[in-house]
Protein backbone atom coordinates (compact mmCIF):
# COMPACT_ATOMS: atom_id res chain seq x y z
CA MET A 1 97.46 108.67 109.22
CA LYS A 2 98.53 105.72 112.13
CA LYS A 3 95.31 103.76 110.98
CA ILE A 4 96.47 104.17 107.46
CA LEU A 5 99.96 102.37 108.49
CA LEU A 6 98.25 99.72 110.35
CA MET A 7 95.55 98.74 107.50
CA GLY A 8 98.66 98.74 105.09
CA ALA A 9 100.58 96.42 107.02
CA THR A 10 97.21 94.04 107.60
CA PHE A 11 97.11 94.06 103.57
CA LEU A 12 100.66 92.91 103.20
CA PHE A 13 99.32 90.05 104.87
CA GLY A 14 96.59 89.58 103.39
CA LEU A 15 97.57 89.81 99.61
CA GLY A 16 100.50 87.77 99.95
CA LEU A 17 97.75 85.00 100.26
CA VAL A 18 95.67 85.91 97.16
CA GLY A 19 98.57 84.69 94.98
CA CYS A 20 98.98 81.82 96.84
CA SER A 21 97.97 78.40 95.28
CA MET A 22 99.50 74.59 95.67
CA ILE A 23 102.11 73.88 93.20
CA VAL A 24 102.24 70.48 92.43
CA PRO A 25 105.44 69.48 90.05
CA PRO A 26 105.34 68.52 86.40
CA GLN A 27 105.23 64.80 85.92
CA GLU A 28 106.40 62.88 82.92
CA THR A 29 105.58 59.45 81.83
CA LYS A 30 107.91 57.07 80.59
CA ASP A 31 106.93 54.44 77.88
CA THR A 32 108.86 52.62 75.63
CA ASP A 33 108.47 52.90 71.88
CA ALA A 34 107.12 49.57 70.27
CA VAL A 35 108.89 49.66 67.12
CA THR A 36 112.20 51.13 68.05
CA GLY A 37 112.73 50.22 72.02
CA ASP A 38 113.72 53.96 72.92
CA LYS A 39 112.06 55.31 75.97
CA VAL A 40 109.39 58.12 74.97
CA VAL A 41 109.41 60.71 77.30
CA GLU A 42 106.15 63.13 77.59
CA SER A 43 105.69 65.89 79.90
CA LEU A 44 102.39 66.58 81.18
CA ASN A 45 103.18 70.20 81.12
CA PRO A 46 101.09 72.29 78.91
CA PRO A 47 102.24 73.79 75.69
CA GLU A 48 103.35 77.31 76.04
CA LYS A 49 100.96 80.03 74.78
CA THR A 50 102.22 81.49 71.99
CA HIS A 51 101.70 85.42 71.21
CA GLU A 52 99.08 85.38 69.02
CA SER A 53 96.86 83.07 71.39
CA GLN A 54 97.40 84.73 74.64
CA ALA A 55 93.79 85.62 76.11
CA PRO A 56 94.01 88.03 78.53
CA ASP A 57 95.49 86.49 81.73
CA LEU A 58 92.29 85.56 84.11
CA LYS A 59 94.70 84.80 87.04
CA GLU A 60 95.37 88.64 87.07
CA GLU A 61 91.81 89.72 86.61
CA ALA A 62 90.41 87.50 89.12
CA ALA A 63 93.64 88.81 91.41
CA LYS A 64 92.72 92.55 90.68
CA ASN A 65 88.79 91.55 91.68
CA SER A 66 90.13 89.80 94.70
CA ILE A 67 92.52 92.64 95.99
CA LEU A 68 89.55 95.41 94.89
CA LYS A 69 87.46 93.89 97.66
CA VAL A 70 90.26 93.77 100.18
CA LEU A 71 91.13 96.98 99.48
CA GLN A 72 87.58 98.45 100.09
CA GLN A 73 86.89 96.55 102.80
CA GLY A 74 89.97 97.53 104.68
CA TYR A 75 90.14 101.47 103.50
CA ALA A 76 85.97 101.99 103.89
CA ASP A 77 86.58 104.33 106.60
CA LEU A 78 89.12 106.40 104.73
CA GLY A 79 87.52 106.49 101.52
CA THR A 80 86.06 104.88 98.58
CA VAL A 81 88.42 102.64 96.19
CA VAL A 82 88.29 101.61 92.55
CA TYR A 83 90.02 100.20 89.83
CA ASP A 84 90.54 101.88 86.66
CA ALA A 85 91.34 99.32 84.09
CA GLU A 86 92.56 102.22 81.64
CA GLN A 87 94.92 103.03 83.98
CA ASN A 88 95.86 100.00 85.53
CA ALA A 89 95.67 101.72 88.48
CA PHE A 90 93.47 101.09 92.27
CA ILE A 91 92.76 104.29 93.14
CA ILE A 92 91.71 105.69 96.93
CA THR A 93 89.89 108.30 97.09
CA PRO A 94 89.67 109.39 100.70
CA THR A 95 86.53 111.16 102.21
CA ASP A 96 87.30 111.20 105.57
CA GLU A 97 88.04 114.65 107.33
CA ALA A 98 91.13 113.40 109.74
CA PHE A 99 92.79 111.99 106.63
CA ILE A 100 92.04 115.37 104.76
CA GLN A 101 92.97 117.49 107.87
CA ASP A 102 96.16 115.23 108.19
CA VAL A 103 97.49 116.08 104.73
CA GLU A 104 96.59 120.05 104.97
CA TYR A 105 98.52 119.86 107.96
CA VAL A 106 101.59 118.20 106.15
CA LEU A 107 101.32 121.20 103.79
CA SER A 108 101.17 123.66 106.34
CA THR A 109 103.40 122.31 108.39
CA GLY A 110 105.95 120.89 106.36
CA GLN A 111 106.43 117.76 108.94
CA THR A 112 106.20 114.95 107.30
CA GLU A 113 107.68 112.11 109.68
CA GLU A 114 103.77 110.62 109.66
CA TRP A 115 103.20 111.02 105.50
CA ASP A 116 106.77 109.44 104.84
CA GLN A 117 106.05 106.38 106.70
CA MET A 118 102.16 105.89 104.95
CA VAL A 119 104.09 106.39 101.75
CA ASP A 120 106.42 103.48 102.83
CA ALA A 121 103.73 101.37 103.81
CA PHE A 122 102.07 102.08 100.37
CA VAL A 123 105.05 101.20 98.48
CA GLU A 124 105.20 98.09 100.14
CA LEU A 125 101.83 97.45 99.70
CA SER A 126 102.06 98.17 96.34
CA ALA A 127 105.13 96.03 95.55
CA GLU A 128 102.50 93.12 96.96
CA ILE A 129 99.75 94.01 94.72
CA SER A 130 102.06 93.98 91.79
CA ALA A 131 103.39 90.57 92.59
CA SER A 132 99.82 89.60 92.70
CA ALA A 133 98.27 91.53 89.75
CA GLY A 134 100.69 91.84 87.33
CA GLU A 135 103.07 94.06 86.67
CA GLY A 136 102.84 97.47 86.11
CA THR A 137 100.25 97.77 88.24
CA SER A 138 99.44 100.86 90.34
CA LEU A 139 98.28 102.19 93.55
CA ALA A 140 97.29 105.97 93.60
CA ILE A 141 95.69 108.46 96.10
CA ALA A 142 93.28 110.99 94.56
CA ASN A 143 92.99 114.48 95.86
CA PRO A 144 90.27 114.55 98.29
CA VAL A 145 89.75 118.31 97.34
CA LYS A 146 90.26 117.68 93.17
CA THR A 147 89.13 114.15 92.59
CA ASP A 148 90.76 113.88 89.23
CA ASN A 149 93.94 114.55 90.35
CA VAL A 150 96.54 112.23 92.38
CA ILE A 151 98.71 113.07 95.66
CA LEU A 152 100.65 109.75 95.05
CA VAL A 153 101.08 107.15 92.86
CA ILE A 154 103.50 104.12 93.43
CA SER A 155 103.87 101.72 90.72
CA ASP A 156 104.92 97.92 91.00
CA GLY A 157 106.97 99.25 94.36
CA VAL A 158 107.95 102.05 93.17
CA LEU A 159 106.93 105.82 94.31
CA VAL A 160 106.55 107.39 91.02
CA TYR A 161 104.76 110.90 92.28
CA ASP A 162 104.68 112.42 95.55
CA ALA A 163 102.62 115.81 95.57
CA VAL A 164 103.02 116.77 99.28
CA LYS A 165 106.99 116.42 98.29
CA GLU A 166 106.33 118.51 95.18
CA GLU A 167 104.23 121.12 97.05
CA LEU A 168 106.65 121.52 99.97
CA SER A 169 109.46 121.45 98.09
CA LYS A 170 108.54 124.47 96.17
């Protein structure tokens, strides 16, 4: 699980770069009305989108594609990573035997220190993902045994579900 913590910290930095762009302050032009002599100020800012005319946010889609590539590359040793548009979630499905054994160890012993550190790293990663991909984007870890189920869900940097903690609290 320590390897996951290091990868998470690396991605926090990497994802911070995904949303970066050079911001140019809006400029205004000032002209004089030929008839009245009054100064006319025209903003170069684009007009605000109306609710009806808003197309899907291409910037968020591009960010999600970039994030997916970064996660797939970084967590290739851990398992597979997919983006589920219906759930608006990046889902990591562990296939690494060492990770699966670590989770089984935590469940059998109740020693959650490393699990808690990993969860904290994923909470931070989720906040970075949401900042780039948009609010409501989740990060989940699928159950490696029953991949239709999840063992961890974090959305917008907030822990939503932790199956390990839930199981240990029984």
